[in-house]
Amino acid sequence: MAGKPITISHLNVRIGDRNILKDISVSIPPNKITAIIGPSGCGKSTMLKCMNRMIDLVEEIDIEGDVHIDGENIYGSGIDVSLLRKKVGMIAQTPNPLPMSIYDNIAYGPRIHGQRKRTDLDEIVERCLNTVGLWSEVKERLEDPAAKLSIGQQQRLCLARALAVQPEVLLCDEVTSSLDPVSAKHIETELSSLKNDYTIVFVTHILRQAKRLADYVIFLYLGELVEYGPANEVFFHPKDPRTAAYIEGVFG
C-alpha cells in the first residue's frame, strides 16, 4: 500500500534539564526500511518513541516541534493517541508477550478495536502468524501460554500482534538484540518482506544489520541529526566526517 512520508520538523526533546534531541528535521520515506544508527545515548530510541507518542509516558518530558504522519501532526490538538498507536505499531527490544495464550495475544488488539466475531479473529490470527513464519510452529497449541514460546518465537509473536491491528508504520527498537542468530535472521527476513506494505523504522546498534536491511539511514550523534540519506550513500560515501568515523569504528 502506498503511504505518505513521516515528516519530522524541528523536534526538540528534553527530559528535565537534559537535551535528548536537538532540532531534528527529516522526512522518512513510505514503504521503505529506515535505520536510525548512532552510538549509545545519542537519542535513537527517543526519536523512535516520538513517532507514536510512547515518549509521553516518560516523566519530566518536554517536547517541541511537529511529527506529521498521514499529513496530520500527531502533536496537534485533538489527537486520539490510542488510534495513533494502532496506526503506528511498535516492537520493543525485549519480547513482551501478554500473559495470555498465543491466540489471545494476536486477537487482543482487534478485540480492543471492536472485532468480536470468532471466525474473523481466527482468520486474523492465522494470517498474522503466517506472515511472521510462526503458524506452522504453533498452530497445534494456540491455547498454550505465550510465555512457553522460545525468546525468538516470542519476538515474532510480538511482531504478529503488532500486525493484527493493521498498522501503517512499524517501529522496531533493537528488536533482534536479545535473540540468537537464527531467530534474528527470521526477524530480519520478515521485516524485509513487509516493507512493501508498511513503513518500517528501526533502531540498531549493529552496523552490519543496518547495511543488510536499510534503504535509508539516519545517523544521530549527541542528539543531533548528522546525516541522512539512501543507505548506499551514507555507508559508502558519507558527507560528514563524524559519520565516516562512526562507520569505520573510530567510536561507538
C-alpha atoms as a PDB file:
ATOM      1  CA  MET A   1       0.000   0.000   0.000  1.00  0.00           C
ATOM      2  CA  ALA A   2       1.362   3.412  -0.894  1.00  0.00           C
ATOM      3  CA  GLY A   3       1.753   5.780   2.021  1.00  0.00           C
ATOM      4  CA  LYS A   4       2.947   9.262   2.854  1.00  0.00           C
ATOM      5  CA  PRO A   5       6.339  10.101   4.328  1.00  0.00           C
ATOM      6  CA  ILE A   6       6.724  10.686   8.045  1.00  0.00           C
ATOM      7  CA  THR A   7       7.822  14.313   8.306  1.00  0.00           C
ATOM      8  CA  ILE A   8       9.628  15.460  11.438  1.00  0.00           C
ATOM      9  CA  SER A   9      10.145  19.214  11.823  1.00  0.00           C
ATOM     10  CA  HIS A  10      12.298  20.972  14.426  1.00  0.00           C
ATOM     11  CA  LEU A  11      11.835  18.227  17.012  1.00  0.00           C
ATOM     12  CA  ASN A  12      13.385  19.022  20.377  1.00  0.00           C
ATOM     13  CA  VAL A  13      13.103  16.681  23.350  1.00  0.00           C
ATOM     14  CA  ARG A  14      14.230  17.448  26.871  1.00  0.00           C
ATOM     15  CA  ILE A  15      13.999  15.332  29.994  1.00  0.00           C
ATOM     16  CA  GLY A  16      14.451  17.618  32.963  1.00  0.00           C
ATOM     17  CA  ASP A  17      17.487  19.734  32.106  1.00  0.00           C
ATOM     18  CA  ARG A  18      18.930  17.271  29.570  1.00  0.00           C
ATOM     19  CA  ASN A  19      18.608  17.890  25.820  1.00  0.00           C
ATOM     20  CA  ILE A  20      17.993  14.460  24.263  1.00  0.00           C
ATOM     21  CA  LEU A  21      17.097  15.526  20.710  1.00  0.00           C
ATOM     22  CA  LYS A  22      18.147  18.849  19.227  1.00  0.00           C
ATOM     23  CA  ASP A  23      16.190  20.422  16.364  1.00  0.00           C
ATOM     24  CA  ILE A  24      15.642  17.246  14.333  1.00  0.00           C
ATOM     25  CA  SER A  25      14.108  17.739  10.885  1.00  0.00           C
ATOM     26  CA  VAL A  26      13.887  14.801   8.477  1.00  0.00           C
ATOM     27  CA  SER A  27      11.493  13.069   6.102  1.00  0.00           C
ATOM     28  CA  ILE A  28      11.172   9.283   6.347  1.00  0.00           C
ATOM     29  CA  PRO A  29      10.003   7.684   3.084  1.00  0.00           C
ATOM     30  CA  PRO A  30       6.985   5.360   2.938  1.00  0.00           C
ATOM     31  CA  ASN A  31       7.234   1.651   2.201  1.00  0.00           C
ATOM     32  CA  LYS A  32      10.950   1.530   2.876  1.00  0.00           C
ATOM     33  CA  ILE A  33      13.142   0.450   5.779  1.00  0.00           C
ATOM     34  CA  THR A  34      14.844   3.352   7.508  1.00  0.00           C
ATOM     35  CA  ALA A  35      17.542   2.606  10.088  1.00  0.00           C
ATOM     36  CA  ILE A  36      18.391   5.002  12.896  1.00  0.00           C
ATOM     37  CA  ILE A  37      22.030   4.480  13.854  1.00  0.00           C
ATOM     38  CA  GLY A  38      24.459   6.101  16.254  1.00  0.00           C
ATOM     39  CA  PRO A  39      26.358   5.437  19.481  1.00  0.00           C
ATOM     40  CA  SER A  40      24.590   4.636  22.738  1.00  0.00           C
ATOM     41  CA  GLY A  41      22.830   7.585  24.338  1.00  0.00           C
ATOM     42  CA  CYS A  42      22.527   9.622  21.147  1.00  0.00           C
ATOM     43  CA  GLY A  43      18.703   9.696  21.145  1.00  0.00           C
ATOM     44  CA  LYS A  44      17.830   6.847  18.769  1.00  0.00           C
ATOM     45  CA  SER A  45      15.118   5.215  20.895  1.00  0.00           C
ATOM     46  CA  THR A  46      13.778   8.607  21.979  1.00  0.00           C
ATOM     47  CA  MET A  47      13.306   9.607  18.353  1.00  0.00           C
ATOM     48  CA  LEU A  48      11.539   6.335  17.636  1.00  0.00           C
ATOM     49  CA  LYS A  49       9.153   6.753  20.586  1.00  0.00           C
ATOM     50  CA  CYS A  50       8.259  10.258  19.445  1.00  0.00           C
ATOM     51  CA  MET A  51       6.615   8.739  16.360  1.00  0.00           C
ATOM     52  CA  ASN A  52       3.821   7.030  18.305  1.00  0.00           C
ATOM     53  CA  ARG A  53       3.958   9.197  21.430  1.00  0.00           C
ATOM     54  CA  MET A  54       5.176   6.450  23.713  1.00  0.00           C
ATOM     55  CA  ILE A  55       7.570   9.190  24.801  1.00  0.00           C
ATOM     56  CA  ASP A  56       4.581  10.771  26.568  1.00  0.00           C
ATOM     57  CA  LEU A  57       4.973   8.164  29.323  1.00  0.00           C
ATOM     58  CA  VAL A  58       8.404   9.499  30.357  1.00  0.00           C
ATOM     59  CA  GLU A  59       8.408  11.737  33.422  1.00  0.00           C
ATOM     60  CA  GLU A  60       9.541  15.373  33.066  1.00  0.00           C
ATOM     61  CA  ILE A  61       9.408  15.143  29.283  1.00  0.00           C
ATOM     62  CA  ASP A  62       9.260  18.355  27.268  1.00  0.00           C
ATOM     63  CA  ILE A  63       8.667  18.122  23.520  1.00  0.00           C
ATOM     64  CA  GLU A  64       8.703  20.846  20.886  1.00  0.00           C
ATOM     65  CA  GLY A  65       8.222  20.501  17.147  1.00  0.00           C
ATOM     66  CA  ASP A  66       5.975  18.581  14.781  1.00  0.00           C
ATOM     67  CA  VAL A  67       5.710  14.981  13.617  1.00  0.00           C
ATOM     68  CA  HIS A  68       3.377  14.532  10.649  1.00  0.00           C
ATOM     69  CA  ILE A  69       2.030  11.063   9.859  1.00  0.00           C
ATOM     70  CA  ASP A  70      -0.516  10.770   7.046  1.00  0.00           C
ATOM     71  CA  GLY A  71      -0.313  14.548   6.802  1.00  0.00           C
ATOM     72  CA  GLU A  72      -1.512  15.031  10.393  1.00  0.00           C
ATOM     73  CA  ASN A  73       0.594  16.494  13.190  1.00  0.00           C
ATOM     74  CA  ILE A  74       0.470  13.850  15.917  1.00  0.00           C
ATOM     75  CA  TYR A  75       1.356  16.516  18.492  1.00  0.00           C
ATOM     76  CA  GLY A  76      -1.552  18.704  17.423  1.00  0.00           C
ATOM     77  CA  SER A  77      -4.707  19.197  19.446  1.00  0.00           C
ATOM     78  CA  GLY A  78      -7.439  16.551  19.419  1.00  0.00           C
ATOM     79  CA  ILE A  79      -5.176  13.595  18.571  1.00  0.00           C
ATOM     80  CA  ASP A  80      -6.540  10.228  19.731  1.00  0.00           C
ATOM     81  CA  VAL A  81      -3.344   8.589  20.976  1.00  0.00           C
ATOM     82  CA  SER A  82      -4.885   5.092  21.061  1.00  0.00           C
ATOM     83  CA  LEU A  83      -5.766   5.353  17.369  1.00  0.00           C
ATOM     84  CA  LEU A  84      -2.317   6.746  16.641  1.00  0.00           C
ATOM     85  CA  ARG A  85      -0.715   3.698  18.265  1.00  0.00           C
ATOM     86  CA  LYS A  86      -2.985   1.451  16.214  1.00  0.00           C
ATOM     87  CA  LYS A  87      -1.662   3.134  13.075  1.00  0.00           C
ATOM     88  CA  VAL A  88       1.937   3.192  14.309  1.00  0.00           C
ATOM     89  CA  GLY A  89       2.846  -0.148  15.884  1.00  0.00           C
ATOM     90  CA  MET A  90       5.948  -0.697  17.976  1.00  0.00           C
ATOM     91  CA  ILE A  91       8.049  -3.771  18.745  1.00  0.00           C
ATOM     92  CA  ALA A  92      10.332  -3.453  21.751  1.00  0.00           C
ATOM     93  CA  GLN A  93      13.890  -4.625  22.314  1.00  0.00           C
ATOM     94  CA  THR A  94      12.822  -7.378  24.719  1.00  0.00           C
ATOM     95  CA  PRO A  95       9.861  -9.585  23.703  1.00  0.00           C
ATOM     96  CA  ASN A  96       6.837  -8.655  25.791  1.00  0.00           C
ATOM     97  CA  PRO A  97       4.048 -11.167  25.123  1.00  0.00           C
ATOM     98  CA  LEU A  98       0.871 -10.566  27.087  1.00  0.00           C
ATOM     99  CA  PRO A  99       0.190 -13.000  29.972  1.00  0.00           C
ATOM    100  CA  MET A 100      -2.335 -14.989  27.966  1.00  0.00           C
ATOM    101  CA  SER A 101      -2.493 -17.593  25.231  1.00  0.00           C
ATOM    102  CA  ILE A 102      -0.756 -17.394  21.872  1.00  0.00           C
ATOM    103  CA  TYR A 103      -4.151 -16.938  20.217  1.00  0.00           C
ATOM    104  CA  ASP A 104      -5.282 -14.201  22.590  1.00  0.00           C
ATOM    105  CA  ASN A 105      -2.033 -12.280  22.148  1.00  0.00           C
ATOM    106  CA  ILE A 106      -2.892 -11.822  18.475  1.00  0.00           C
ATOM    107  CA  ALA A 107      -6.629 -11.344  18.974  1.00  0.00           C
ATOM    108  CA  TYR A 108      -6.204  -8.812  21.796  1.00  0.00           C
ATOM    109  CA  GLY A 109      -5.727  -5.728  19.610  1.00  0.00           C
ATOM    110  CA  PRO A 110      -8.552  -6.465  17.155  1.00  0.00           C
ATOM    111  CA  ARG A 111     -10.887  -7.119  20.102  1.00  0.00           C
ATOM    112  CA  ILE A 112      -9.935  -3.783  21.674  1.00  0.00           C
ATOM    113  CA  HIS A 113     -10.846  -2.085  18.413  1.00  0.00           C
ATOM    114  CA  GLY A 114     -14.256  -3.767  18.163  1.00  0.00           C
ATOM    115  CA  GLN A 115     -13.689  -7.082  16.381  1.00  0.00           C
ATOM    116  CA  ARG A 116     -15.728  -9.771  18.147  1.00  0.00           C
ATOM    117  CA  LYS A 117     -16.622 -12.362  15.511  1.00  0.00           C
ATOM    118  CA  ARG A 118     -14.719 -15.576  16.191  1.00  0.00           C
ATOM    119  CA  THR A 119     -14.312 -16.567  12.547  1.00  0.00           C
ATOM    120  CA  ASP A 120     -12.824 -13.158  11.744  1.00  0.00           C
ATOM    121  CA  LEU A 121     -10.482 -13.392  14.723  1.00  0.00           C
ATOM    122  CA  ASP A 122      -9.436 -16.894  13.636  1.00  0.00           C
ATOM    123  CA  GLU A 123      -8.569 -15.532  10.190  1.00  0.00           C
ATOM    124  CA  ILE A 124      -6.572 -12.629  11.655  1.00  0.00           C
ATOM    125  CA  VAL A 125      -4.624 -14.927  13.986  1.00  0.00           C
ATOM    126  CA  GLU A 126      -3.748 -17.375  11.231  1.00  0.00           C
ATOM    127  CA  ARG A 127      -2.839 -14.653   8.728  1.00  0.00           C
ATOM    128  CA  CYS A 128      -0.595 -12.751  11.120  1.00  0.00           C
ATOM    129  CA  LEU A 129       1.162 -15.857  12.400  1.00  0.00           C
ATOM    130  CA  ASN A 130       1.717 -16.972   8.813  1.00  0.00           C
ATOM    131  CA  THR A 131       3.127 -13.557   7.940  1.00  0.00           C
ATOM    132  CA  VAL A 132       5.854 -13.889  10.580  1.00  0.00           C
ATOM    133  CA  GLY A 133       6.526 -17.549   9.791  1.00  0.00           C
ATOM    134  CA  LEU A 134       5.132 -18.820  13.081  1.00  0.00           C
ATOM    135  CA  TRP A 135       1.871 -20.525  12.112  1.00  0.00           C
ATOM    136  CA  SER A 136       3.327 -23.943  11.318  1.00  0.00           C
ATOM    137  CA  GLU A 137       5.208 -23.923  14.621  1.00  0.00           C
ATOM    138  CA  VAL A 138       2.276 -23.062  16.898  1.00  0.00           C
ATOM    139  CA  LYS A 139      -0.980 -23.933  15.124  1.00  0.00           C
ATOM    140  CA  GLU A 140      -1.492 -27.040  17.275  1.00  0.00           C
ATOM    141  CA  ARG A 141      -1.028 -25.145  20.551  1.00  0.00           C
ATOM    142  CA  LEU A 142      -2.706 -21.795  20.125  1.00  0.00           C
ATOM    143  CA  GLU A 143      -4.224 -22.027  23.609  1.00  0.00           C
ATOM    144  CA  ASP A 144      -0.842 -22.512  25.282  1.00  0.00           C
ATOM    145  CA  PRO A 145       0.569 -19.552  27.238  1.00  0.00           C
ATOM    146  CA  ALA A 146       2.679 -17.331  25.026  1.00  0.00           C
ATOM    147  CA  ALA A 147       5.347 -17.381  27.735  1.00  0.00           C
ATOM    148  CA  LYS A 148       6.088 -21.015  26.813  1.00  0.00           C
ATOM    149  CA  LEU A 149       7.469 -19.938  23.434  1.00  0.00           C
ATOM    150  CA  SER A 150      11.189 -19.503  22.909  1.00  0.00           C
ATOM    151  CA  ILE A 151      12.531 -15.949  23.028  1.00  0.00           C
ATOM    152  CA  GLY A 152      12.831 -15.871  19.240  1.00  0.00           C
ATOM    153  CA  GLN A 153       9.272 -17.129  18.815  1.00  0.00           C
ATOM    154  CA  GLN A 154       8.042 -14.571  21.348  1.00  0.00           C
ATOM    155  CA  GLN A 155       9.585 -11.751  19.328  1.00  0.00           C
ATOM    156  CA  ARG A 156       7.911 -13.000  16.154  1.00  0.00           C
ATOM    157  CA  LEU A 157       4.653 -13.264  18.120  1.00  0.00           C
ATOM    158  CA  CYS A 158       5.035  -9.624  19.158  1.00  0.00           C
ATOM    159  CA  LEU A 159       5.531  -8.683  15.513  1.00  0.00           C
ATOM    160  CA  ALA A 160       2.393 -10.640  14.582  1.00  0.00           C
ATOM    161  CA  ARG A 161       0.496  -8.912  17.402  1.00  0.00           C
ATOM    162  CA  ALA A 162       1.518  -5.518  16.027  1.00  0.00           C
ATOM    163  CA  LEU A 163       0.364  -6.504  12.523  1.00  0.00           C
ATOM    164  CA  ALA A 164      -3.027  -7.720  13.774  1.00  0.00           C
ATOM    165  CA  VAL A 165      -4.413  -4.177  14.098  1.00  0.00           C
ATOM    166  CA  GLN A 166      -3.342  -3.320  10.531  1.00  0.00           C
ATOM    167  CA  PRO A 167      -0.867  -0.521  11.209  1.00  0.00           C
ATOM    168  CA  GLU A 168       0.699   1.638   8.537  1.00  0.00           C
ATOM    169  CA  VAL A 169       4.031   2.097  10.294  1.00  0.00           C
ATOM    170  CA  LEU A 170       6.190  -0.351  12.266  1.00  0.00           C
ATOM    171  CA  LEU A 171       8.708   0.987  14.771  1.00  0.00           C
ATOM    172  CA  CYS A 172      11.348  -1.549  15.812  1.00  0.00           C
ATOM    173  CA  ASP A 173      13.658  -0.804  18.733  1.00  0.00           C
ATOM    174  CA  GLU A 174      16.718  -3.111  18.705  1.00  0.00           C
ATOM    175  CA  VAL A 175      14.309  -5.998  18.069  1.00  0.00           C
ATOM    176  CA  THR A 176      16.988  -8.635  17.489  1.00  0.00           C
ATOM    177  CA  SER A 177      19.411  -7.673  20.258  1.00  0.00           C
ATOM    178  CA  SER A 178      18.214 -10.388  22.666  1.00  0.00           C
ATOM    179  CA  LEU A 179      17.905 -13.118  20.025  1.00  0.00           C
ATOM    180  CA  ASP A 180      20.138 -15.928  18.854  1.00  0.00           C
ATOM    181  CA  PRO A 181      21.456 -15.625  15.252  1.00  0.00           C
ATOM    182  CA  VAL A 182      18.813 -17.951  13.765  1.00  0.00           C
ATOM    183  CA  SER A 183      15.912 -16.079  15.394  1.00  0.00           C
ATOM    184  CA  ALA A 184      17.463 -12.736  14.456  1.00  0.00           C
ATOM    185  CA  LYS A 185      17.660 -13.858  10.840  1.00  0.00           C
ATOM    186  CA  HIS A 186      13.949 -14.797  10.972  1.00  0.00           C
ATOM    187  CA  ILE A 187      13.060 -11.283  12.122  1.00  0.00           C
ATOM    188  CA  GLU A 188      15.284  -9.620   9.510  1.00  0.00           C
ATOM    189  CA  THR A 189      13.718 -11.728   6.751  1.00  0.00           C
ATOM    190  CA  GLU A 190      10.209 -10.828   7.891  1.00  0.00           C
ATOM    191  CA  LEU A 191      10.983  -7.109   8.043  1.00  0.00           C
ATOM    192  CA  SER A 192      12.425  -7.189   4.531  1.00  0.00           C
ATOM    193  CA  SER A 193       9.306  -8.904   3.228  1.00  0.00           C
ATOM    194  CA  LEU A 194       6.969  -6.445   4.991  1.00  0.00           C
ATOM    195  CA  LYS A 195       8.365  -3.177   3.687  1.00  0.00           C
ATOM    196  CA  ASN A 196       6.183  -3.170   0.573  1.00  0.00           C
ATOM    197  CA  ASP A 197       3.135  -2.912   2.823  1.00  0.00           C
ATOM    198  CA  TYR A 198       4.494  -0.908   5.756  1.00  0.00           C
ATOM    199  CA  THR A 199       6.817   1.961   6.501  1.00  0.00           C
ATOM    200  CA  ILE A 200       9.450   0.460   8.813  1.00  0.00           C
ATOM    201  CA  VAL A 201      11.749   2.463  11.069  1.00  0.00           C
ATOM    202  CA  PHE A 202      14.220   0.524  13.157  1.00  0.00           C
ATOM    203  CA  VAL A 203      16.897   1.358  15.674  1.00  0.00           C
ATOM    204  CA  THR A 204      20.003  -0.794  15.647  1.00  0.00           C
ATOM    205  CA  HIS A 205      23.499  -0.621  17.102  1.00  0.00           C
ATOM    206  CA  ILE A 206      24.686  -3.290  14.651  1.00  0.00           C
ATOM    207  CA  LEU A 207      26.059  -1.613  11.532  1.00  0.00           C
ATOM    208  CA  ARG A 208      26.154  -4.904   9.620  1.00  0.00           C
ATOM    209  CA  GLN A 209      22.429  -5.276  10.216  1.00  0.00           C
ATOM    210  CA  ALA A 210      21.706  -1.736   9.067  1.00  0.00           C
ATOM    211  CA  LYS A 211      23.727  -2.382   5.900  1.00  0.00           C
ATOM    212  CA  ARG A 212      21.757  -5.583   5.227  1.00  0.00           C
ATOM    213  CA  LEU A 213      18.294  -4.153   5.787  1.00  0.00           C
ATOM    214  CA  ALA A 214      18.157  -0.403   5.389  1.00  0.00           C
ATOM    215  CA  ASP A 215      17.029   1.508   2.326  1.00  0.00           C
ATOM    216  CA  TYR A 216      17.613   4.808   4.137  1.00  0.00           C
ATOM    217  CA  VAL A 217      19.750   5.736   7.127  1.00  0.00           C
ATOM    218  CA  ILE A 218      19.541   8.411   9.833  1.00  0.00           C
ATOM    219  CA  PHE A 219      22.765   8.980  11.791  1.00  0.00           C
ATOM    220  CA  LEU A 220      22.356  10.642  15.190  1.00  0.00           C
ATOM    221  CA  TYR A 221      25.216  11.863  17.346  1.00  0.00           C
ATOM    222  CA  LEU A 222      24.774  13.513  20.749  1.00  0.00           C
ATOM    223  CA  GLY A 223      21.129  14.244  19.977  1.00  0.00           C
ATOM    224  CA  GLU A 224      21.832  15.889  16.631  1.00  0.00           C
ATOM    225  CA  LEU A 225      20.913  14.684  13.154  1.00  0.00           C
ATOM    226  CA  VAL A 226      24.330  14.488  11.499  1.00  0.00           C
ATOM    227  CA  GLU A 227      23.471  12.798   8.220  1.00  0.00           C
ATOM    228  CA  TYR A 228      20.545  11.243   6.406  1.00  0.00           C
ATOM    229  CA  GLY A 229      20.045   9.667   3.010  1.00  0.00           C
ATOM    230  CA  PRO A 230      19.931   6.474   0.953  1.00  0.00           C
ATOM    231  CA  ALA A 231      21.813   3.699   2.729  1.00  0.00           C
ATOM    232  CA  ASN A 232      24.408   3.227  -0.006  1.00  0.00           C
ATOM    233  CA  GLU A 233      25.293   6.922   0.076  1.00  0.00           C
ATOM    234  CA  VAL A 234      25.549   7.163   3.858  1.00  0.00           C
ATOM    235  CA  PHE A 235      27.527   3.946   4.290  1.00  0.00           C
ATOM    236  CA  PHE A 236      29.864   4.205   1.321  1.00  0.00           C
ATOM    237  CA  HIS A 237      30.035   7.953   0.578  1.00  0.00           C
ATOM    238  CA  PRO A 238      29.347   9.752   3.886  1.00  0.00           C
ATOM    239  CA  LYS A 239      29.420  13.531   3.700  1.00  0.00           C
ATOM    240  CA  ASP A 240      30.187  14.275   7.345  1.00  0.00           C
ATOM    241  CA  PRO A 241      33.487  13.163   8.896  1.00  0.00           C
ATOM    242  CA  ARG A 242      31.636  12.107  12.065  1.00  0.00           C
ATOM    243  CA  THR A 243      29.573   9.662  10.007  1.00  0.00           C
ATOM    244  CA  ALA A 244      32.675   8.253   8.374  1.00  0.00           C
ATOM    245  CA  ALA A 245      34.391   7.885  11.749  1.00  0.00           C
ATOM    246  CA  TYR A 246      31.402   6.060  13.254  1.00  0.00           C
ATOM    247  CA  ILE A 247      31.083   3.682  10.284  1.00  0.00           C
ATOM    248  CA  GLU A 248      34.825   2.986  10.416  1.00  0.00           C
ATOM    249  CA  GLY A 249      34.559   2.090  14.117  1.00  0.00           C
ATOM    250  CA  VAL A 250      36.589   5.042  15.433  1.00  0.00           C
ATOM    251  CA  PHE A 251      33.911   5.494  18.122  1.00  0.00           C
ATOM    252  CA  GLY A 252      30.560   3.972  19.024  1.00  0.00           C
END
